Amino acid sequence: MQLKELLQKIGSAHDSLKQQQPDEKKEELCLSFITFSISGKIYAIDINNANEIIKIDKISLVPNAPQYISGVTNLRGDIIPILDLKEKFIYIQNSGGSSEKTGTKSGPRKSIKGKIAIVVKSQETSFGLLIDEILKTVSVPVSKISLNPVLINTLGSEYISGLVKRGENDQELLMILNIDRLAEG
């Protein structure tokens, strides 16, 4: 067999392999999130944790509950606690990072009737997250989700499971909430 014939056979084998393995980009795994705003900051939760979005009609106060528990509401026979994240993050800041459930701030609680809540489920616990505005659903490649080392030691960081830089020149920061940690306390 001459060198020319051998090179032709190798070339044919190479062309055959190329046809068997198309030159397609592998799709990157993406996660879907519901985004919303609280006090001008953008947060997200995994869409698989969200059950529904509700408008608060009736709320019952819970005596001696922390200030960040707005109360409970009856959702088709299920009693759902409503967690006010604005108050939760203020509570953590004022208590020096402790998120114990003892005591409340003095003063009247604000009315939340007519406000929006996302009902979420963490393991077997359902609760509502009081939000300012629902934004949209987004799909984020897993490689874009990161934990900022600076954030790890800040107050309330245990409730953030990841960060995503978005928008023009990555100026927008999307904070992904850890629903399981919020459910724990």
C-alpha atoms as a PDB file:
ATOM      1  CA  MET A   1       0.000   0.000   0.000  1.00  0.00           C
ATOM      2  CA  GLN A   2       1.420   3.299  -0.979  1.00  0.00           C
ATOM      3  CA  LEU A   3       1.564   6.352   1.250  1.00  0.00           C
ATOM      4  CA  LYS A   4      -0.976   8.151  -0.933  1.00  0.00           C
ATOM      5  CA  GLU A   5      -3.569   5.366  -0.486  1.00  0.00           C
ATOM      6  CA  LEU A   6      -2.959   5.269   3.276  1.00  0.00           C
ATOM      7  CA  LEU A   7      -3.520   9.030   3.599  1.00  0.00           C
ATOM      8  CA  GLN A   8      -6.737   8.741   1.588  1.00  0.00           C
ATOM      9  CA  LYS A   9      -8.031   5.989   3.912  1.00  0.00           C
ATOM     10  CA  ILE A  10      -7.145   8.049   7.009  1.00  0.00           C
ATOM     11  CA  GLY A  11      -8.869  11.077   5.449  1.00  0.00           C
ATOM     12  CA  SER A  12     -11.985   8.999   4.698  1.00  0.00           C
ATOM     13  CA  ALA A  13     -12.036   7.647   8.259  1.00  0.00           C
ATOM     14  CA  HIS A  14     -11.671  11.179   9.638  1.00  0.00           C
ATOM     15  CA  ASP A  15     -14.558  12.446   7.441  1.00  0.00           C
ATOM     16  CA  SER A  16     -16.696   9.509   8.578  1.00  0.00           C
ATOM     17  CA  LEU A  17     -16.050  10.313  12.256  1.00  0.00           C
ATOM     18  CA  LYS A  18     -16.830  13.979  11.676  1.00  0.00           C
ATOM     19  CA  GLN A  19     -20.230  13.041  10.247  1.00  0.00           C
ATOM     20  CA  GLN A  20     -20.978  10.801  13.242  1.00  0.00           C
ATOM     21  CA  GLN A  21     -20.153  13.571  15.767  1.00  0.00           C
ATOM     22  CA  PRO A  22     -21.756  16.785  14.549  1.00  0.00           C
ATOM     23  CA  ASP A  23     -20.051  20.014  15.513  1.00  0.00           C
ATOM     24  CA  GLU A  24     -22.854  21.239  17.795  1.00  0.00           C
ATOM     25  CA  LYS A  25     -22.362  23.332  20.876  1.00  0.00           C
ATOM     26  CA  LYS A  26     -23.440  21.507  23.995  1.00  0.00           C
ATOM     27  CA  GLU A  27     -26.311  23.273  25.683  1.00  0.00           C
ATOM     28  CA  GLU A  28     -25.435  24.516  29.120  1.00  0.00           C
ATOM     29  CA  LEU A  29     -27.689  23.581  32.026  1.00  0.00           C
ATOM     30  CA  CYS A  30     -29.917  26.511  32.992  1.00  0.00           C
ATOM     31  CA  LEU A  31     -32.081  27.068  36.053  1.00  0.00           C
ATOM     32  CA  SER A  32     -35.328  29.035  36.008  1.00  0.00           C
ATOM     33  CA  PHE A  33     -36.102  31.702  38.598  1.00  0.00           C
ATOM     34  CA  ILE A  34     -38.931  34.070  39.456  1.00  0.00           C
ATOM     35  CA  THR A  35     -37.542  37.555  40.012  1.00  0.00           C
ATOM     36  CA  PHE A  36     -39.089  40.214  42.214  1.00  0.00           C
ATOM     37  CA  SER A  37     -38.139  43.421  43.956  1.00  0.00           C
ATOM     38  CA  ILE A  38     -38.014  44.384  47.610  1.00  0.00           C
ATOM     39  CA  SER A  39     -36.959  47.935  48.495  1.00  0.00           C
ATOM     40  CA  GLY A  40     -35.444  48.421  45.046  1.00  0.00           C
ATOM     41  CA  LYS A  41     -33.258  45.295  45.197  1.00  0.00           C
ATOM     42  CA  ILE A  42     -33.818  42.382  42.847  1.00  0.00           C
ATOM     43  CA  TYR A  43     -34.181  38.900  44.310  1.00  0.00           C
ATOM     44  CA  ALA A  44     -34.967  35.533  42.789  1.00  0.00           C
ATOM     45  CA  ILE A  45     -36.257  32.169  43.914  1.00  0.00           C
ATOM     46  CA  ASP A  46     -36.064  28.858  42.103  1.00  0.00           C
ATOM     47  CA  ILE A  47     -39.263  28.501  40.104  1.00  0.00           C
ATOM     48  CA  ASN A  48     -39.649  24.953  41.471  1.00  0.00           C
ATOM     49  CA  ASN A  49     -40.128  26.394  44.982  1.00  0.00           C
ATOM     50  CA  ALA A  50     -42.947  28.754  43.949  1.00  0.00           C
ATOM     51  CA  ASN A  51     -46.499  27.498  44.279  1.00  0.00           C
ATOM     52  CA  GLU A  52     -48.396  30.643  43.350  1.00  0.00           C
ATOM     53  CA  ILE A  53     -48.598  34.410  43.587  1.00  0.00           C
ATOM     54  CA  ILE A  54     -51.388  35.822  45.732  1.00  0.00           C
ATOM     55  CA  LYS A  55     -52.838  39.159  46.717  1.00  0.00           C
ATOM     56  CA  ILE A  56     -53.254  39.380  50.490  1.00  0.00           C
ATOM     57  CA  ASP A  57     -56.950  39.869  51.327  1.00  0.00           C
ATOM     58  CA  LYS A  58     -57.151  38.931  54.988  1.00  0.00           C
ATOM     59  CA  ILE A  59     -54.332  38.574  57.464  1.00  0.00           C
ATOM     60  CA  SER A  60     -54.457  37.485  61.092  1.00  0.00           C
ATOM     61  CA  LEU A  61     -51.769  38.704  63.457  1.00  0.00           C
ATOM     62  CA  VAL A  62     -49.876  36.150  65.507  1.00  0.00           C
ATOM     63  CA  PRO A  63     -49.323  37.268  69.119  1.00  0.00           C
ATOM     64  CA  ASN A  64     -45.657  37.497  70.223  1.00  0.00           C
ATOM     65  CA  ALA A  65     -44.404  36.674  66.723  1.00  0.00           C
ATOM     66  CA  PRO A  66     -41.260  38.421  65.500  1.00  0.00           C
ATOM     67  CA  GLN A  67     -41.836  41.674  63.616  1.00  0.00           C
ATOM     68  CA  TYR A  68     -40.908  39.993  60.317  1.00  0.00           C
ATOM     69  CA  ILE A  69     -43.891  37.611  60.571  1.00  0.00           C
ATOM     70  CA  SER A  70     -46.706  39.766  59.202  1.00  0.00           C
ATOM     71  CA  GLY A  71     -49.295  37.191  60.242  1.00  0.00           C
ATOM     72  CA  VAL A  72     -51.072  34.219  58.726  1.00  0.00           C
ATOM     73  CA  THR A  73     -53.602  33.969  55.942  1.00  0.00           C
ATOM     74  CA  ASN A  74     -56.095  31.291  54.982  1.00  0.00           C
ATOM     75  CA  LEU A  75     -55.353  30.033  51.477  1.00  0.00           C
ATOM     76  CA  ARG A  76     -58.112  27.616  50.458  1.00  0.00           C
ATOM     77  CA  GLY A  77     -58.111  26.008  53.905  1.00  0.00           C
ATOM     78  CA  ASP A  78     -54.337  26.038  54.436  1.00  0.00           C
ATOM     79  CA  ILE A  79     -52.945  28.417  57.043  1.00  0.00           C
ATOM     80  CA  ILE A  80     -49.932  30.159  55.478  1.00  0.00           C
ATOM     81  CA  PRO A  81     -47.538  32.346  57.493  1.00  0.00           C
ATOM     82  CA  ILE A  82     -46.512  35.531  55.669  1.00  0.00           C
ATOM     83  CA  LEU A  83     -42.858  36.518  55.983  1.00  0.00           C
ATOM     84  CA  ASP A  84     -41.937  40.156  55.330  1.00  0.00           C
ATOM     85  CA  LEU A  85     -38.387  40.020  53.930  1.00  0.00           C
ATOM     86  CA  LYS A  86     -37.862  43.769  54.419  1.00  0.00           C
ATOM     87  CA  GLU A  87     -38.537  43.313  58.116  1.00  0.00           C
ATOM     88  CA  LYS A  88     -36.565  40.060  58.226  1.00  0.00           C
ATOM     89  CA  PHE A  89     -33.414  41.663  56.874  1.00  0.00           C
ATOM     90  CA  ILE A  90     -33.835  44.714  59.159  1.00  0.00           C
ATOM     91  CA  TYR A  91     -34.388  42.353  62.109  1.00  0.00           C
ATOM     92  CA  ILE A  92     -31.159  40.476  61.349  1.00  0.00           C
ATOM     93  CA  GLN A  93     -29.238  43.725  61.030  1.00  0.00           C
ATOM     94  CA  ASN A  94     -30.597  45.115  64.301  1.00  0.00           C
ATOM     95  CA  SER A  95     -30.014  41.881  66.226  1.00  0.00           C
ATOM     96  CA  GLY A  96     -26.385  41.578  65.114  1.00  0.00           C
ATOM     97  CA  GLY A  97     -26.973  38.584  62.891  1.00  0.00           C
ATOM     98  CA  SER A  98     -29.088  36.509  65.251  1.00  0.00           C
ATOM     99  CA  SER A  99     -32.283  35.330  63.664  1.00  0.00           C
ATOM    100  CA  GLU A 100     -33.837  33.820  66.770  1.00  0.00           C
ATOM    101  CA  LYS A 101     -37.603  33.913  66.927  1.00  0.00           C
ATOM    102  CA  THR A 102     -37.855  35.510  70.379  1.00  0.00           C
ATOM    103  CA  GLY A 103     -39.270  38.952  70.976  1.00  0.00           C
ATOM    104  CA  THR A 104     -40.664  41.561  68.642  1.00  0.00           C
ATOM    105  CA  LYS A 105     -39.996  45.189  67.886  1.00  0.00           C
ATOM    106  CA  SER A 106     -42.293  47.552  69.674  1.00  0.00           C
ATOM    107  CA  GLY A 107     -44.801  49.548  67.722  1.00  0.00           C
ATOM    108  CA  PRO A 108     -47.743  48.780  65.458  1.00  0.00           C
ATOM    109  CA  ARG A 109     -47.429  46.449  62.524  1.00  0.00           C
ATOM    110  CA  LYS A 110     -48.136  47.933  59.128  1.00  0.00           C
ATOM    111  CA  SER A 111     -51.118  46.758  57.116  1.00  0.00           C
ATOM    112  CA  ILE A 112     -50.281  44.397  54.262  1.00  0.00           C
ATOM    113  CA  LYS A 113     -53.808  44.023  52.913  1.00  0.00           C
ATOM    114  CA  GLY A 114     -53.701  44.260  49.115  1.00  0.00           C
ATOM    115  CA  LYS A 115     -49.964  43.485  48.912  1.00  0.00           C
ATOM    116  CA  ILE A 116     -48.454  40.658  46.850  1.00  0.00           C
ATOM    117  CA  ALA A 117     -46.913  37.481  48.235  1.00  0.00           C
ATOM    118  CA  ILE A 118     -45.256  34.530  46.554  1.00  0.00           C
ATOM    119  CA  VAL A 119     -46.341  31.304  48.222  1.00  0.00           C
ATOM    120  CA  VAL A 120     -43.326  29.007  48.360  1.00  0.00           C
ATOM    121  CA  LYS A 121     -42.751  25.473  49.548  1.00  0.00           C
ATOM    122  CA  SER A 122     -39.649  24.276  51.340  1.00  0.00           C
ATOM    123  CA  GLN A 123     -39.686  20.565  52.011  1.00  0.00           C
ATOM    124  CA  GLU A 124     -43.092  20.245  53.748  1.00  0.00           C
ATOM    125  CA  THR A 125     -43.500  23.882  54.868  1.00  0.00           C
ATOM    126  CA  SER A 126     -45.432  26.444  52.856  1.00  0.00           C
ATOM    127  CA  PHE A 127     -45.176  30.160  53.562  1.00  0.00           C
ATOM    128  CA  GLY A 128     -45.636  33.453  51.783  1.00  0.00           C
ATOM    129  CA  LEU A 129     -42.915  35.963  50.940  1.00  0.00           C
ATOM    130  CA  LEU A 130     -44.192  39.518  50.974  1.00  0.00           C
ATOM    131  CA  ILE A 131     -42.743  41.401  47.988  1.00  0.00           C
ATOM    132  CA  ASP A 132     -43.032  44.851  46.439  1.00  0.00           C
ATOM    133  CA  GLU A 133     -43.322  43.807  42.799  1.00  0.00           C
ATOM    134  CA  ILE A 134     -43.158  40.645  40.723  1.00  0.00           C
ATOM    135  CA  LEU A 135     -40.782  41.151  37.786  1.00  0.00           C
ATOM    136  CA  LYS A 136     -40.391  38.174  35.458  1.00  0.00           C
ATOM    137  CA  THR A 137     -39.094  34.655  35.095  1.00  0.00           C
ATOM    138  CA  VAL A 138     -35.520  34.232  33.937  1.00  0.00           C
ATOM    139  CA  SER A 139     -33.389  31.327  32.838  1.00  0.00           C
ATOM    140  CA  VAL A 140     -29.807  31.489  34.131  1.00  0.00           C
ATOM    141  CA  PRO A 141     -26.919  29.244  33.056  1.00  0.00           C
ATOM    142  CA  VAL A 142     -25.506  27.433  36.089  1.00  0.00           C
ATOM    143  CA  SER A 143     -22.023  28.721  35.231  1.00  0.00           C
ATOM    144  CA  LYS A 144     -23.249  32.322  35.780  1.00  0.00           C
ATOM    145  CA  ILE A 145     -24.345  31.647  39.376  1.00  0.00           C
ATOM    146  CA  SER A 146     -21.661  32.375  41.937  1.00  0.00           C
ATOM    147  CA  LEU A 147     -21.164  32.888  45.621  1.00  0.00           C
ATOM    148  CA  ASN A 148     -19.333  36.100  46.264  1.00  0.00           C
ATOM    149  CA  PRO A 149     -16.707  35.487  49.015  1.00  0.00           C
ATOM    150  CA  VAL A 150     -17.288  39.017  50.327  1.00  0.00           C
ATOM    151  CA  LEU A 151     -20.963  38.192  50.879  1.00  0.00           C
ATOM    152  CA  ILE A 152     -20.309  35.034  52.882  1.00  0.00           C
ATOM    153  CA  ASN A 153     -19.561  36.870  56.135  1.00  0.00           C
ATOM    154  CA  THR A 154     -22.239  39.581  55.902  1.00  0.00           C
ATOM    155  CA  LEU A 155     -25.434  39.707  57.936  1.00  0.00           C
ATOM    156  CA  GLY A 156     -28.224  37.720  56.314  1.00  0.00           C
ATOM    157  CA  SER A 157     -25.899  36.023  53.835  1.00  0.00           C
ATOM    158  CA  GLU A 158     -27.111  32.616  55.022  1.00  0.00           C
ATOM    159  CA  TYR A 159     -30.362  33.370  53.183  1.00  0.00           C
ATOM    160  CA  ILE A 160     -28.585  34.004  49.858  1.00  0.00           C
ATOM    161  CA  SER A 161     -27.687  30.868  47.900  1.00  0.00           C
ATOM    162  CA  GLY A 162     -26.109  32.602  44.919  1.00  0.00           C
ATOM    163  CA  LEU A 163     -25.507  35.766  42.956  1.00  0.00           C
ATOM    164  CA  VAL A 164     -25.888  36.471  39.274  1.00  0.00           C
ATOM    165  CA  LYS A 165     -24.452  39.497  37.483  1.00  0.00           C
ATOM    166  CA  ARG A 166     -26.842  40.615  34.769  1.00  0.00           C
ATOM    167  CA  GLY A 167     -27.771  43.542  32.605  1.00  0.00           C
ATOM    168  CA  GLU A 168     -25.618  45.900  30.636  1.00  0.00           C
ATOM    169  CA  ASN A 169     -21.961  45.468  31.655  1.00  0.00           C
ATOM    170  CA  ASP A 170     -23.053  43.116  34.475  1.00  0.00           C
ATOM    171  CA  GLN A 171     -24.232  46.112  36.525  1.00  0.00           C
ATOM    172  CA  GLU A 172     -27.390  44.422  37.817  1.00  0.00           C
ATOM    173  CA  LEU A 173     -26.989  42.013  40.728  1.00  0.00           C
ATOM    174  CA  LEU A 174     -29.590  39.287  41.168  1.00  0.00           C
ATOM    175  CA  MET A 175     -29.623  37.669  44.627  1.00  0.00           C
ATOM    176  CA  ILE A 176     -30.968  34.126  44.720  1.00  0.00           C
ATOM    177  CA  LEU A 177     -32.732  33.374  47.994  1.00  0.00           C
ATOM    178  CA  ASN A 178     -32.297  30.089  49.829  1.00  0.00           C
ATOM    179  CA  ILE A 179     -35.908  29.113  50.592  1.00  0.00           C
ATOM    180  CA  ASP A 180     -34.901  26.231  52.880  1.00  0.00           C
ATOM    181  CA  ARG A 181     -32.863  28.593  55.110  1.00  0.00           C
ATOM    182  CA  LEU A 182     -35.693  31.153  55.186  1.00  0.00           C
ATOM    183  CA  ALA A 183     -38.079  28.400  56.312  1.00  0.00           C
ATOM    184  CA  GLU A 184     -35.732  27.444  59.169  1.00  0.00           C
ATOM    185  CA  GLY A 185     -35.745  30.860  60.728  1.00  0.00           C
END
